[in-house]
C-alpha atoms as a PDB file:
ATOM      1  CA  MET A   1     229.679  25.963 125.422  1.00  0.00           C
ATOM      2  CA  THR A   2     226.774  24.858 127.522  1.00  0.00           C
ATOM      3  CA  SER A   3     224.466  27.301 128.778  1.00  0.00           C
ATOM      4  CA  GLU A   4     221.449  27.223 130.804  1.00  0.00           C
ATOM      5  CA  THR A   5     218.988  29.802 131.916  1.00  0.00           C
ATOM      6  CA  LEU A   6     216.314  29.645 135.717  1.00  0.00           C
ATOM      7  CA  VAL A   7     213.660  32.361 134.480  1.00  0.00           C
ATOM      8  CA  SER A   8     212.593  32.341 138.654  1.00  0.00           C
ATOM      9  CA  THR A   9     213.861  33.865 141.527  1.00  0.00           C
ATOM     10  CA  THR A  10     213.716  30.591 143.140  1.00  0.00           C
ATOM     11  CA  THR A  11     217.349  29.741 144.786  1.00  0.00           C
ATOM     12  CA  LYS A  12     217.976  26.261 145.994  1.00  0.00           C
ATOM     13  CA  GLU A  13     217.180  27.269 149.736  1.00  0.00           C
ATOM     14  CA  GLU A  14     214.627  28.154 148.496  1.00  0.00           C
ATOM     15  CA  ILE A  15     212.689  24.976 146.562  1.00  0.00           C
ATOM     16  CA  SER A  16     214.183  23.736 149.796  1.00  0.00           C
ATOM     17  CA  GLU A  17     211.630  25.729 151.599  1.00  0.00           C
ATOM     18  CA  ILE A  18     208.433  25.052 149.277  1.00  0.00           C
ATOM     19  CA  THR A  19     209.910  20.723 149.774  1.00  0.00           C
ATOM     20  CA  LYS A  20     209.526  21.257 153.435  1.00  0.00           C
ATOM     21  CA  LEU A  21     206.118  23.465 152.993  1.00  0.00           C
ATOM     22  CA  GLU A  22     204.423  20.177 151.299  1.00  0.00           C
ATOM     23  CA  PRO A  23     203.773  17.554 153.798  1.00  0.00           C
ATOM     24  CA  LYS A  24     205.068  14.309 152.640  1.00  0.00           C
ATOM     25  CA  LYS A  25     201.762  12.185 150.931  1.00  0.00           C
ATOM     26  CA  ASN A  26     200.014   9.578 152.822  1.00  0.00           C
ATOM     27  CA  ASP A  27     196.225   8.417 153.565  1.00  0.00           C
ATOM     28  CA  HIS A  28     194.656  11.631 154.896  1.00  0.00           C
ATOM     29  CA  VAL A  29     193.938  14.359 153.272  1.00  0.00           C
ATOM     30  CA  GLN A  30     196.656  16.831 154.092  1.00  0.00           C
ATOM     31  CA  TRP A  31     195.338  20.465 154.233  1.00  0.00           C
ATOM     32  CA  ALA A  32     197.488  23.578 152.994  1.00  0.00           C
ATOM     33  CA  PRO A  33     198.121  26.296 155.832  1.00  0.00           C
ATOM     34  CA  ILE A  34     195.790  29.307 155.538  1.00  0.00           C
ATOM     35  CA  THR A  35     198.465  32.032 156.693  1.00  0.00           C
ATOM     36  CA  GLY A  36     201.874  31.348 156.549  1.00  0.00           C
ATOM     37  CA  VAL A  37     202.089  31.156 152.793  1.00  0.00           C
ATOM     38  CA  PRO A  38     204.112  33.638 150.520  1.00  0.00           C
ATOM     39  CA  LEU A  39     201.536  35.842 147.931  1.00  0.00           C
ATOM     40  CA  GLU A  40     204.039  34.486 145.378  1.00  0.00           C
ATOM     41  CA  ARG A  41     203.457  31.035 146.419  1.00  0.00           C
ATOM     42  CA  ARG A  42     199.996  31.639 145.750  1.00  0.00           C
ATOM     43  CA  LEU A  43     200.506  33.314 142.712  1.00  0.00           C
ATOM     44  CA  GLN A  44     201.756  30.395 141.435  1.00  0.00           C
ATOM     45  CA  THR A  45     199.331  27.746 142.243  1.00  0.00           C
ATOM     46  CA  LEU A  46     196.886  29.797 140.752  1.00  0.00           C
ATOM     47  CA  ALA A  47     198.392  30.231 137.529  1.00  0.00           C
ATOM     48  CA  VAL A  48     198.659  26.408 137.250  1.00  0.00           C
ATOM     49  CA  ALA A  49     194.888  25.707 138.906  1.00  0.00           C
ATOM     50  CA  THR A  50     193.607  28.489 135.938  1.00  0.00           C
ATOM     51  CA  TRP A  51     195.497  26.604 133.371  1.00  0.00           C
ATOM     52  CA  ILE A  52     193.842  23.039 133.927  1.00  0.00           C
ATOM     53  CA  ALA A  53     190.771  24.817 134.689  1.00  0.00           C
ATOM     54  CA  PHE A  54     190.428  26.488 131.385  1.00  0.00           C
ATOM     55  CA  PHE A  55     190.034  23.741 129.026  1.00  0.00           C
ATOM     56  CA  PHE A  56     186.797  22.630 131.330  1.00  0.00           C
ATOM     57  CA  PHE A  57     185.592  26.232 131.764  1.00  0.00           C
ATOM     58  CA  THR A  58     185.842  26.980 127.602  1.00  0.00           C
ATOM     59  CA  ILE A  59     183.406  23.762 126.998  1.00  0.00           C
ATOM     60  CA  PHE A  60     180.988  25.247 129.690  1.00  0.00           C
ATOM     61  CA  VAL A  61     181.009  28.479 128.615  1.00  0.00           C
ATOM     62  CA  PHE A  62     180.253  27.226 124.960  1.00  0.00           C
ATOM     63  CA  PHE A  63     177.314  25.088 126.129  1.00  0.00           C
ATOM     64  CA  PHE A  64     175.901  27.981 128.153  1.00  0.00           C
ATOM     65  CA  LEU A  65     175.693  30.378 125.689  1.00  0.00           C
ATOM     66  CA  ALA A  66     174.415  28.208 123.259  1.00  0.00           C
ATOM     67  CA  THR A  67     170.990  28.056 125.909  1.00  0.00           C
ATOM     68  CA  TYR A  68     170.190  31.742 124.489  1.00  0.00           C
ATOM     69  CA  LYS A  69     168.211  31.344 121.005  1.00  0.00           C
ATOM     70  CA  PHE A  70     169.273  34.879 120.253  1.00  0.00           C
ATOM     71  CA  LEU A  71     173.078  33.699 120.120  1.00  0.00           C
ATOM     72  CA  TRP A  72     172.390  30.722 117.646  1.00  0.00           C
ATOM     73  CA  PRO A  73     173.224  32.811 114.404  1.00  0.00           C
ATOM     74  CA  VAL A  74     176.574  33.695 115.772  1.00  0.00           C
ATOM     75  CA  MET A  75     177.205  30.368 117.629  1.00  0.00           C
ATOM     76  CA  ILE A  76     176.399  28.608 114.338  1.00  0.00           C
ATOM     77  CA  ALA A  77     178.911  30.950 112.638  1.00  0.00           C
ATOM     78  CA  TYR A  78     181.345  30.355 114.893  1.00  0.00           C
ATOM     79  CA  VAL A  79     180.965  26.693 114.171  1.00  0.00           C
ATOM     80  CA  THR A  80     181.373  27.066 110.605  1.00  0.00           C
ATOM     81  CA  PHE A  81     184.476  29.142 111.395  1.00  0.00           C
ATOM     82  CA  ILE A  82     186.155  26.106 113.518  1.00  0.00           C
ATOM     83  CA  TYR A  83     185.365  23.715 110.326  1.00  0.00           C
ATOM     84  CA  PHE A  84     186.738  25.585 107.976  1.00  0.00           C
ATOM     85  CA  ASP A  85     189.948  27.187 109.499  1.00  0.00           C
ATOM     86  CA  LYS A  86     192.765  26.373 108.391  1.00  0.00           C
ATOM     87  CA  ALA A  87     194.723  28.092 111.243  1.00  0.00           C
ATOM     88  CA  PRO A  88     196.192  24.717 113.012  1.00  0.00           C
ATOM     89  CA  GLU A  89     197.699  23.393 110.171  1.00  0.00           C
ATOM     90  CA  ARG A  90     199.362  26.149 109.009  1.00  0.00           C
ATOM     91  CA  GLY A  91     201.302  26.925 112.786  1.00  0.00           C
ATOM     92  CA  GLY A  92     198.299  28.779 114.961  1.00  0.00           C
ATOM     93  CA  ARG A  93     198.051  32.200 115.288  1.00  0.00           C
ATOM     94  CA  PRO A  94     200.598  33.331 117.297  1.00  0.00           C
ATOM     95  CA  PHE A  95     200.710  36.640 119.248  1.00  0.00           C
ATOM     96  CA  GLU A  96     204.132  37.887 120.894  1.00  0.00           C
ATOM     97  CA  ARG A  97     202.337  38.701 123.798  1.00  0.00           C
ATOM     98  CA  CYS A  98     199.860  35.695 124.548  1.00  0.00           C
ATOM     99  CA  ARG A  99     203.246  34.033 124.574  1.00  0.00           C
ATOM    100  CA  LYS A 100     205.379  36.720 126.942  1.00  0.00           C
ATOM    101  CA  TRP A 101     202.341  36.890 129.241  1.00  0.00           C
ATOM    102  CA  VAL A 102     202.811  37.607 132.330  1.00  0.00           C
ATOM    103  CA  GLY A 103     201.182  34.879 133.978  1.00  0.00           C
ATOM    104  CA  TRP A 104     203.167  32.253 132.231  1.00  0.00           C
ATOM    105  CA  LYS A 105     206.215  33.117 134.324  1.00  0.00           C
ATOM    106  CA  TYR A 106     204.136  32.075 137.553  1.00  0.00           C
ATOM    107  CA  PHE A 107     203.436  28.801 136.149  1.00  0.00           C
ATOM    108  CA  ALA A 108     206.746  28.257 135.153  1.00  0.00           C
ATOM    109  CA  ASN A 109     207.959  29.280 138.618  1.00  0.00           C
ATOM    110  CA  TYR A 110     205.096  26.708 139.884  1.00  0.00           C
ATOM    111  CA  PHE A 111     207.393  23.982 139.463  1.00  0.00           C
ATOM    112  CA  PRO A 112     209.964  25.470 138.860  1.00  0.00           C
ATOM    113  CA  VAL A 113     210.665  24.643 135.346  1.00  0.00           C
ATOM    114  CA  LYS A 114     214.372  25.507 134.035  1.00  0.00           C
ATOM    115  CA  LEU A 115     215.905  25.049 130.428  1.00  0.00           C
ATOM    116  CA  ILE A 116     219.108  24.346 129.447  1.00  0.00           C
ATOM    117  CA  LYS A 117     220.828  24.377 126.086  1.00  0.00           C
ATOM    118  CA  GLU A 118     223.760  22.207 124.685  1.00  0.00           C
ATOM    119  CA  GLN A 119     224.661  24.088 121.669  1.00  0.00           C
ATOM    120  CA  ASP A 120     223.517  27.061 119.317  1.00  0.00           C
ATOM    121  CA  LEU A 121     220.954  26.361 116.983  1.00  0.00           C
ATOM    122  CA  ASP A 122     221.593  27.840 114.133  1.00  0.00           C
ATOM    123  CA  ALA A 123     218.317  30.207 112.919  1.00  0.00           C
ATOM    124  CA  ASN A 124     219.315  29.686 109.043  1.00  0.00           C
ATOM    125  CA  LYS A 125     217.532  25.975 109.272  1.00  0.00           C
ATOM    126  CA  ASN A 126     215.062  24.011 110.726  1.00  0.00           C
ATOM    127  CA  TYR A 127     214.772  21.136 113.317  1.00  0.00           C
ATOM    128  CA  VAL A 128     212.699  19.153 115.228  1.00  0.00           C
ATOM    129  CA  LEU A 129     212.676  19.259 118.553  1.00  0.00           C
ATOM    130  CA  GLY A 130     211.493  15.698 120.336  1.00  0.00           C
ATOM    131  CA  TYR A 131     210.618  15.761 123.868  1.00  0.00           C
ATOM    132  CA  HIS A 132     210.625  13.233 126.001  1.00  0.00           C
ATOM    133  CA  PRO A 133     208.839  12.075 128.501  1.00  0.00           C
ATOM    134  CA  HIS A 134     205.508  12.801 127.581  1.00  0.00           C
ATOM    135  CA  GLY A 135     204.650  12.939 131.108  1.00  0.00           C
ATOM    136  CA  ILE A 136     200.944  13.179 132.107  1.00  0.00           C
ATOM    137  CA  ILE A 137     199.744  16.441 130.798  1.00  0.00           C
ATOM    138  CA  SER A 138     203.960  17.556 129.571  1.00  0.00           C
ATOM    139  CA  MET A 139     203.931  20.246 131.608  1.00  0.00           C
ATOM    140  CA  GLY A 140     207.275  21.000 130.543  1.00  0.00           C
ATOM    141  CA  ALA A 141     207.032  21.278 127.168  1.00  0.00           C
ATOM    142  CA  PHE A 142     203.796  23.974 126.910  1.00  0.00           C
ATOM    143  CA  ALA A 143     206.187  26.211 129.702  1.00  0.00           C
ATOM    144  CA  ASN A 144     209.191  26.175 127.841  1.00  0.00           C
ATOM    145  CA  PHE A 145     208.108  25.788 123.769  1.00  0.00           C
ATOM    146  CA  GLY A 146     204.166  27.150 124.484  1.00  0.00           C
ATOM    147  CA  THR A 147     204.994  29.803 126.144  1.00  0.00           C
ATOM    148  CA  ASP A 148     208.105  32.359 126.239  1.00  0.00           C
ATOM    149  CA  ALA A 149     208.072  31.779 130.460  1.00  0.00           C
ATOM    150  CA  THR A 150     211.404  30.410 130.348  1.00  0.00           C
ATOM    151  CA  GLY A 151     213.104  32.544 127.821  1.00  0.00           C
ATOM    152  CA  PHE A 152     213.496  30.062 124.749  1.00  0.00           C
ATOM    153  CA  SER A 153     213.200  33.306 122.574  1.00  0.00           C
ATOM    154  CA  SER A 154     216.873  34.583 124.075  1.00  0.00           C
ATOM    155  CA  LEU A 155     218.334  31.385 124.575  1.00  0.00           C
ATOM    156  CA  PHE A 156     217.390  30.409 120.719  1.00  0.00           C
ATOM    157  CA  PRO A 157     217.312  33.561 119.171  1.00  0.00           C
ATOM    158  CA  GLY A 158     215.776  33.487 115.230  1.00  0.00           C
ATOM    159  CA  ILE A 159     213.914  30.376 116.017  1.00  0.00           C
ATOM    160  CA  LYS A 160     210.614  29.896 116.422  1.00  0.00           C
ATOM    161  CA  PRO A 161     209.258  26.974 117.604  1.00  0.00           C
ATOM    162  CA  SER A 162     205.244  25.512 117.266  1.00  0.00           C
ATOM    163  CA  LEU A 163     204.273  22.974 119.901  1.00  0.00           C
ATOM    164  CA  LEU A 164     202.054  20.308 118.378  1.00  0.00           C
ATOM    165  CA  THR A 165     199.514  18.908 119.834  1.00  0.00           C
ATOM    166  CA  LEU A 166     196.109  16.295 119.126  1.00  0.00           C
ATOM    167  CA  THR A 167     194.720  17.684 116.144  1.00  0.00           C
ATOM    168  CA  SER A 168     191.445  17.279 118.435  1.00  0.00           C
ATOM    169  CA  ASN A 169     192.088  19.651 120.370  1.00  0.00           C
ATOM    170  CA  PHE A 170     190.840  22.569 117.993  1.00  0.00           C
ATOM    171  CA  SER A 171     187.547  21.369 117.677  1.00  0.00           C
ATOM    172  CA  ILE A 172     187.082  22.605 121.203  1.00  0.00           C
ATOM    173  CA  PRO A 173     185.076  26.331 120.948  1.00  0.00           C
ATOM    174  CA  PHE A 174     186.857  28.892 122.704  1.00  0.00           C
ATOM    175  CA  TYR A 175     190.187  26.897 123.654  1.00  0.00           C
ATOM    176  CA  ARG A 176     191.335  26.039 120.392  1.00  0.00           C
ATOM    177  CA  ASP A 177     191.509  29.896 119.934  1.00  0.00           C
ATOM    178  CA  TYR A 178     193.842  30.279 123.477  1.00  0.00           C
ATOM    179  CA  ILE A 179     195.652  27.617 122.043  1.00  0.00           C
ATOM    180  CA  LEU A 180     196.242  29.380 118.870  1.00  0.00           C
ATOM    181  CA  SER A 181     197.646  32.286 119.846  1.00  0.00           C
ATOM    182  CA  LEU A 182     200.233  31.207 121.367  1.00  0.00           C
ATOM    183  CA  GLY A 183     201.518  28.796 118.424  1.00  0.00           C
ATOM    184  CA  LEU A 184     200.231  25.314 119.177  1.00  0.00           C
ATOM    185  CA  ALA A 185     199.656  23.665 115.821  1.00  0.00           C
ATOM    186  CA  ALA A 186     197.884  20.172 114.641  1.00  0.00           C
ATOM    187  CA  VAL A 187     200.731  16.611 115.398  1.00  0.00           C
ATOM    188  CA  SER A 188     199.418  16.153 111.373  1.00  0.00           C
ATOM    189  CA  ARG A 189     201.769  15.401 108.438  1.00  0.00           C
ATOM    190  CA  LYS A 190     200.333  18.124 106.089  1.00  0.00           C
ATOM    191  CA  SER A 191     201.093  21.166 109.596  1.00  0.00           C
ATOM    192  CA  CYS A 192     204.389  19.791 109.981  1.00  0.00           C
ATOM    193  CA  GLU A 193     205.582  19.944 106.294  1.00  0.00           C
ATOM    194  CA  HIS A 194     203.935  23.457 106.166  1.00  0.00           C
ATOM    195  CA  ILE A 195     205.659  24.678 109.065  1.00  0.00           C
ATOM    196  CA  LEU A 196     209.333  23.363 108.006  1.00  0.00           C
ATOM    197  CA  SER A 197     208.962  24.779 104.581  1.00  0.00           C
ATOM    198  CA  SER A 198     207.586  28.027 105.966  1.00  0.00           C
ATOM    199  CA  GLY A 199     211.017  29.964 106.561  1.00  0.00           C
ATOM    200  CA  PRO A 200     214.764  29.331 108.028  1.00  0.00           C
ATOM    201  CA  GLY A 201     214.198  29.261 111.923  1.00  0.00           C
ATOM    202  CA  ARG A 202     210.782  27.625 111.870  1.00  0.00           C
ATOM    203  CA  SER A 203     210.617  24.493 113.990  1.00  0.00           C
ATOM    204  CA  ILE A 204     208.234  21.961 115.888  1.00  0.00           C
ATOM    205  CA  VAL A 205     208.513  20.305 118.542  1.00  0.00           C
ATOM    206  CA  ILE A 206     206.625  16.927 119.084  1.00  0.00           C
ATOM    207  CA  VAL A 207     206.272  14.644 122.568  1.00  0.00           C
ATOM    208  CA  ILE A 208     207.147  11.903 120.897  1.00  0.00           C
ATOM    209  CA  GLY A 209     205.804   8.908 123.135  1.00  0.00           C
ATOM    210  CA  GLY A 210     202.492  10.110 123.018  1.00  0.00           C
ATOM    211  CA  ALA A 211     199.118   8.125 124.810  1.00  0.00           C
ATOM    212  CA  ALA A 212     201.246   5.269 124.636  1.00  0.00           C
ATOM    213  CA  GLU A 213     204.095   7.000 126.821  1.00  0.00           C
ATOM    214  CA  SER A 214     201.768   8.820 129.706  1.00  0.00           C
ATOM    215  CA  LEU A 215     200.757   5.358 130.933  1.00  0.00           C
ATOM    216  CA  ASN A 216     204.032   4.509 131.652  1.00  0.00           C
ATOM    217  CA  ALA A 217     204.544   7.961 133.300  1.00  0.00           C
ATOM    218  CA  ARG A 218     205.303   7.047 137.240  1.00  0.00           C
ATOM    219  CA  PRO A 219     207.929   9.120 139.963  1.00  0.00           C
ATOM    220  CA  GLY A 220     211.206   8.476 139.462  1.00  0.00           C
ATOM    221  CA  THR A 221     211.310   6.476 136.098  1.00  0.00           C
ATOM    222  CA  ASN A 222     211.593   7.380 132.442  1.00  0.00           C
ATOM    223  CA  ASP A 223     210.060   4.677 130.168  1.00  0.00           C
ATOM    224  CA  LEU A 224     210.623   5.803 126.921  1.00  0.00           C
ATOM    225  CA  VAL A 225     207.825   4.403 123.741  1.00  0.00           C
ATOM    226  CA  LEU A 226     210.891   5.468 120.764  1.00  0.00           C
ATOM    227  CA  ARG A 227     212.333   2.730 118.982  1.00  0.00           C
ATOM    228  CA  LYS A 228     208.810   1.822 116.710  1.00  0.00           C
ATOM    229  CA  ARG A 229     209.089   5.903 116.125  1.00  0.00           C
ATOM    230  CA  LEU A 230     210.300   6.227 112.922  1.00  0.00           C
ATOM    231  CA  GLY A 231     207.994   8.935 111.473  1.00  0.00           C
ATOM    232  CA  PHE A 232     209.633  11.828 112.840  1.00  0.00           C
ATOM    233  CA  ILE A 233     212.954  10.752 111.778  1.00  0.00           C
ATOM    234  CA  ARG A 234     211.317  10.376 108.231  1.00  0.00           C
ATOM    235  CA  LEU A 235     209.967  14.043 108.131  1.00  0.00           C
ATOM    236  CA  ALA A 236     212.826  15.492 109.358  1.00  0.00           C
ATOM    237  CA  ILE A 237     214.823  13.848 106.559  1.00  0.00           C
ATOM    238  CA  LYS A 238     212.398  14.775 103.654  1.00  0.00           C
ATOM    239  CA  GLN A 239     211.584  18.632 105.148  1.00  0.00           C
ATOM    240  CA  LYS A 240     215.962  18.945 105.612  1.00  0.00           C
ATOM    241  CA  ALA A 241     215.919  19.735 109.198  1.00  0.00           C
ATOM    242  CA  GLU A 242     217.912  18.835 112.169  1.00  0.00           C
ATOM    243  CA  LEU A 243     216.608  16.665 114.817  1.00  0.00           C
ATOM    244  CA  VAL A 244     216.735  17.814 118.431  1.00  0.00           C
ATOM    245  CA  PRO A 245     216.747  15.603 121.326  1.00  0.00           C
ATOM    246  CA  VAL A 246     215.092  17.192 124.164  1.00  0.00           C
ATOM    247  CA  PHE A 247     214.609  15.412 127.546  1.00  0.00           C
ATOM    248  CA  SER A 248     213.182  17.243 130.631  1.00  0.00           C
ATOM    249  CA  PHE A 249     213.911  15.790 134.130  1.00  0.00           C
ATOM    250  CA  GLY A 250     210.805  15.937 136.653  1.00  0.00           C
ATOM    251  CA  GLU A 251     208.410  15.613 133.778  1.00  0.00           C
ATOM    252  CA  ASN A 252     206.883  12.722 134.993  1.00  0.00           C
ATOM    253  CA  ASP A 253     207.160  13.405 139.035  1.00  0.00           C
ATOM    254  CA  LEU A 254     204.626  15.658 138.791  1.00  0.00           C
ATOM    255  CA  TYR A 255     201.601  13.312 139.098  1.00  0.00           C
ATOM    256  CA  ASP A 256     200.779   9.672 140.504  1.00  0.00           C
ATOM    257  CA  GLN A 257     199.301   7.062 138.707  1.00  0.00           C
ATOM    258  CA  VAL A 258     196.652   4.624 139.683  1.00  0.00           C
ATOM    259  CA  ASP A 259     198.628   0.793 138.508  1.00  0.00           C
ATOM    260  CA  ASN A 260     197.493   0.044 135.089  1.00  0.00           C
ATOM    261  CA  THR A 261     199.905  -3.037 135.136  1.00  0.00           C
ATOM    262  CA  LYS A 262     200.031  -4.307 131.851  1.00  0.00           C
ATOM    263  CA  GLY A 263     197.350  -7.605 131.517  1.00  0.00           C
ATOM    264  CA  SER A 264     195.445  -5.486 134.138  1.00  0.00           C
ATOM    265  CA  LYS A 265     191.641  -4.263 133.598  1.00  0.00           C
ATOM    266  CA  VAL A 266     192.483  -0.752 133.985  1.00  0.00           C
ATOM    267  CA  PHE A 267     195.399  -1.183 130.726  1.00  0.00           C
ATOM    268  CA  TYR A 268     192.811  -2.763 128.891  1.00  0.00           C
ATOM    269  CA  TYR A 269     190.604  -0.524 128.712  1.00  0.00           C
ATOM    270  CA  GLN A 270     193.512   2.345 128.349  1.00  0.00           C
ATOM    271  CA  LYS A 271     194.312   0.756 125.334  1.00  0.00           C
ATOM    272  CA  LYS A 272     190.927   0.293 123.797  1.00  0.00           C
ATOM    273  CA  MET A 273     190.218   3.987 124.667  1.00  0.00           C
ATOM    274  CA  GLN A 274     193.323   4.627 122.674  1.00  0.00           C
ATOM    275  CA  ALA A 275     192.471   2.450 119.693  1.00  0.00           C
ATOM    276  CA  LEU A 276     189.116   4.035 119.764  1.00  0.00           C
ATOM    277  CA  LEU A 277     189.807   7.948 119.940  1.00  0.00           C
ATOM    278  CA  GLY A 278     193.443   8.332 119.185  1.00  0.00           C
ATOM    279  CA  PHE A 279     194.506   9.031 122.881  1.00  0.00           C
ATOM    280  CA  THR A 280     193.739   7.486 126.092  1.00  0.00           C
ATOM    281  CA  MET A 281     193.107   8.787 129.753  1.00  0.00           C
ATOM    282  CA  PRO A 282     195.649   7.934 132.580  1.00  0.00           C
ATOM    283  CA  LEU A 283     194.458   7.563 136.154  1.00  0.00           C
ATOM    284  CA  PHE A 284     196.680  10.515 138.039  1.00  0.00           C
ATOM    285  CA  HIS A 285     196.052  12.520 141.084  1.00  0.00           C
ATOM    286  CA  ALA A 286     198.104  14.788 142.688  1.00  0.00           C
ATOM    287  CA  ARG A 287     197.071  17.650 145.168  1.00  0.00           C
ATOM    288  CA  GLY A 288     194.544  20.272 145.143  1.00  0.00           C
ATOM    289  CA  VAL A 289     194.193  24.116 145.483  1.00  0.00           C
ATOM    290  CA  PHE A 290     193.760  23.284 149.229  1.00  0.00           C
ATOM    291  CA  ASN A 291     195.471  20.665 150.235  1.00  0.00           C
ATOM    292  CA  TYR A 292     198.861  19.181 149.567  1.00  0.00           C
ATOM    293  CA  ASN A 293     197.673  15.174 148.321  1.00  0.00           C
ATOM    294  CA  VAL A 294     194.183  15.360 146.551  1.00  0.00           C
ATOM    295  CA  GLY A 295     193.594  17.104 143.194  1.00  0.00           C
ATOM    296  CA  ILE A 296     194.101  17.530 139.705  1.00  0.00           C
ATOM    297  CA  ILE A 297     196.834  20.180 140.345  1.00  0.00           C
ATOM    298  CA  PRO A 298     201.089  18.862 139.817  1.00  0.00           C
ATOM    299  CA  PHE A 299     203.239  18.038 142.854  1.00  0.00           C
ATOM    300  CA  ARG A 300     205.973  20.956 143.183  1.00  0.00           C
ATOM    301  CA  HIS A 301     208.843  19.386 141.210  1.00  0.00           C
ATOM    302  CA  GLN A 302     211.651  20.985 139.435  1.00  0.00           C
ATOM    303  CA  ILE A 303     211.290  20.076 135.237  1.00  0.00           C
ATOM    304  CA  ALA A 304     214.853  20.788 134.081  1.00  0.00           C
ATOM    305  CA  THR A 305     214.387  21.041 130.538  1.00  0.00           C
ATOM    306  CA  VAL A 306     217.500  19.916 128.299  1.00  0.00           C
ATOM    307  CA  VAL A 307     217.851  20.524 124.366  1.00  0.00           C
ATOM    308  CA  GLY A 308     220.486  18.339 123.105  1.00  0.00           C
ATOM    309  CA  LYS A 309     222.692  19.117 119.750  1.00  0.00           C
ATOM    310  CA  PRO A 310     221.233  18.993 116.518  1.00  0.00           C
ATOM    311  CA  ILE A 311     221.661  15.525 114.089  1.00  0.00           C
ATOM    312  CA  PRO A 312     222.241  15.946 110.708  1.00  0.00           C
ATOM    313  CA  VAL A 313     220.136  14.314 108.612  1.00  0.00           C
ATOM    314  CA  PRO A 314     221.083  12.792 104.929  1.00  0.00           C
ATOM    315  CA  THR A 315     220.411  15.028 102.073  1.00  0.00           C
ATOM    316  CA  LEU A 316     217.895  13.330  99.143  1.00  0.00           C
ATOM    317  CA  GLU A 317     216.621  14.232  96.194  1.00  0.00           C
ATOM    318  CA  GLU A 318     212.800  15.848  95.916  1.00  0.00           C
ATOM    319  CA  GLY A 319     210.612  12.996  96.013  1.00  0.00           C
ATOM    320  CA  VAL A 320     213.455  10.054  97.160  1.00  0.00           C
ATOM    321  CA  GLU A 321     212.130   8.283 100.088  1.00  0.00           C
ATOM    322  CA  PRO A 322     214.900   7.687 102.794  1.00  0.00           C
ATOM    323  CA  THR A 323     215.605   3.834 103.493  1.00  0.00           C
ATOM    324  CA  LYS A 324     215.388   1.927 106.361  1.00  0.00           C
ATOM    325  CA  GLU A 325     219.170   1.731 107.069  1.00  0.00           C
ATOM    326  CA  GLN A 326     218.922   5.605 106.801  1.00  0.00           C
ATOM    327  CA  LEU A 327     215.991   6.136 109.533  1.00  0.00           C
ATOM    328  CA  LEU A 328     217.661   3.455 111.719  1.00  0.00           C
ATOM    329  CA  GLU A 329     220.938   5.232 111.687  1.00  0.00           C
ATOM    330  CA  VAL A 330     219.645   8.734 112.064  1.00  0.00           C
ATOM    331  CA  GLN A 331     217.227   6.917 115.172  1.00  0.00           C
ATOM    332  CA  ARG A 332     220.968   5.853 116.103  1.00  0.00           C
ATOM    333  CA  LEU A 333     222.651   9.225 116.397  1.00  0.00           C
ATOM    334  CA  TYR A 334     219.615  10.314 117.912  1.00  0.00           C
ATOM    335  CA  ILE A 335     218.865   7.919 120.899  1.00  0.00           C
ATOM    336  CA  GLU A 336     222.845   8.257 121.487  1.00  0.00           C
ATOM    337  CA  GLU A 337     222.729  12.273 121.949  1.00  0.00           C
ATOM    338  CA  LEU A 338     219.317  11.344 124.305  1.00  0.00           C
ATOM    339  CA  GLU A 339     221.143   8.707 125.946  1.00  0.00           C
ATOM    340  CA  PHE A 340     223.706  11.643 126.588  1.00  0.00           C
ATOM    341  CA  ILE A 341     222.368  14.234 127.807  1.00  0.00           C
ATOM    342  CA  TYR A 342     220.069  12.024 129.932  1.00  0.00           C
ATOM    343  CA  ASN A 343     223.454  10.585 131.796  1.00  0.00           C
ATOM    344  CA  LYS A 344     225.483  13.927 132.480  1.00  0.00           C
ATOM    345  CA  TYR A 345     222.680  15.235 133.428  1.00  0.00           C
ATOM    346  CA  LYS A 346     220.683  12.854 136.044  1.00  0.00           C
ATOM    347  CA  ASP A 347     222.658  13.004 139.368  1.00  0.00           C
ATOM    348  CA  VAL A 348     221.484  16.547 139.729  1.00  0.00           C
ATOM    349  CA  TYR A 349     218.036  16.290 138.258  1.00  0.00           C
ATOM    350  CA  ALA A 350     216.661  12.657 138.502  1.00  0.00           C
ATOM    351  CA  LYS A 351     218.625  12.414 142.220  1.00  0.00           C
ATOM    352  CA  ASP A 352     215.658  10.472 143.513  1.00  0.00           C
ATOM    353  CA  ARG A 353     215.420   8.377 140.391  1.00  0.00           C
ATOM    354  CA  LYS A 354     213.663   4.697 140.782  1.00  0.00           C
ATOM    355  CA  GLN A 355     215.640   3.212 137.597  1.00  0.00           C
ATOM    356  CA  GLU A 356     217.513   4.281 134.641  1.00  0.00           C
ATOM    357  CA  LEU A 357     216.120   5.636 131.637  1.00  0.00           C
ATOM    358  CA  CYS A 358     214.685   2.609 129.818  1.00  0.00           C
ATOM    359  CA  ILE A 359     213.807   2.718 125.975  1.00  0.00           C
ATOM    360  CA  ALA A 360     211.014   0.530 124.392  1.00  0.00           C
ATOM    361  CA  ASP A 361     209.218   0.045 121.454  1.00  0.00           C
END
């Protein structure tokens, strides 16, 4: 049975009013009105702006504290702790109070974010949830699986998700402790295996397309990088975890991106950066705190995240590697379910799409 939750008091009429309040994009800076904007809406913008700024704030605080010599012993001890800390490889250091903090409700309601389930998940099993599309910053993935703002724990009782992110994020002082407290973990093989083997109900959420897919993120389109991504399928088979496709409508509609068509200089340097650092930086823009069309705060656009039906995987003996035929067969079933949930909901949550779902390399 299909069920869904919208952990927001935002009605369709209110969403329409929000859209009216935000002028259409053009070449001029369009300032937000000083008065006439509901306090609730102001708090939602503040929550998203704070979340974005926190990354930069933690870096600034660390280097600011490092200017005081009397703090050097503490700073050295902390950096040493970071180097030896194994929490990123062991499912993070989650605190339920952090995941259920009231501020995350404002964060989720800014867009707003909606979580829909196609089928219950058995709490006695483990799951690998594949999130699509990546978007620019994967806002929907964070709201749904990095916090409990959209009611994941109520929709899927007994399932404990770990949203996975780049290992390099856990090298950033203070910021790492913040994301660890939300249960985020490193997207490494060792981390995945540890989480999936730590008991029933333990599940991981992987944003499959990664950096390559972020370069395709544009409003009205959904170009997925998936067909050559077999590693997460191999992991699921070896760990006896069922695969669950997850699709977020609206994820690609949160930012505009500078033209970076293949063959352009922008695309060339972005791919070079990805090859050198393991990630790349889309040249994106959206709105600001006090205006509607200049800045890095995402546009207000509903994100509807659909959790599909689990895909069973073949059972192998311990130590046996899955064959390529097995990997491709599971991938075929996975893509079929992904396309099914897209086609089921596209006329509801992607009415303004410019093209249909495209699954590339």
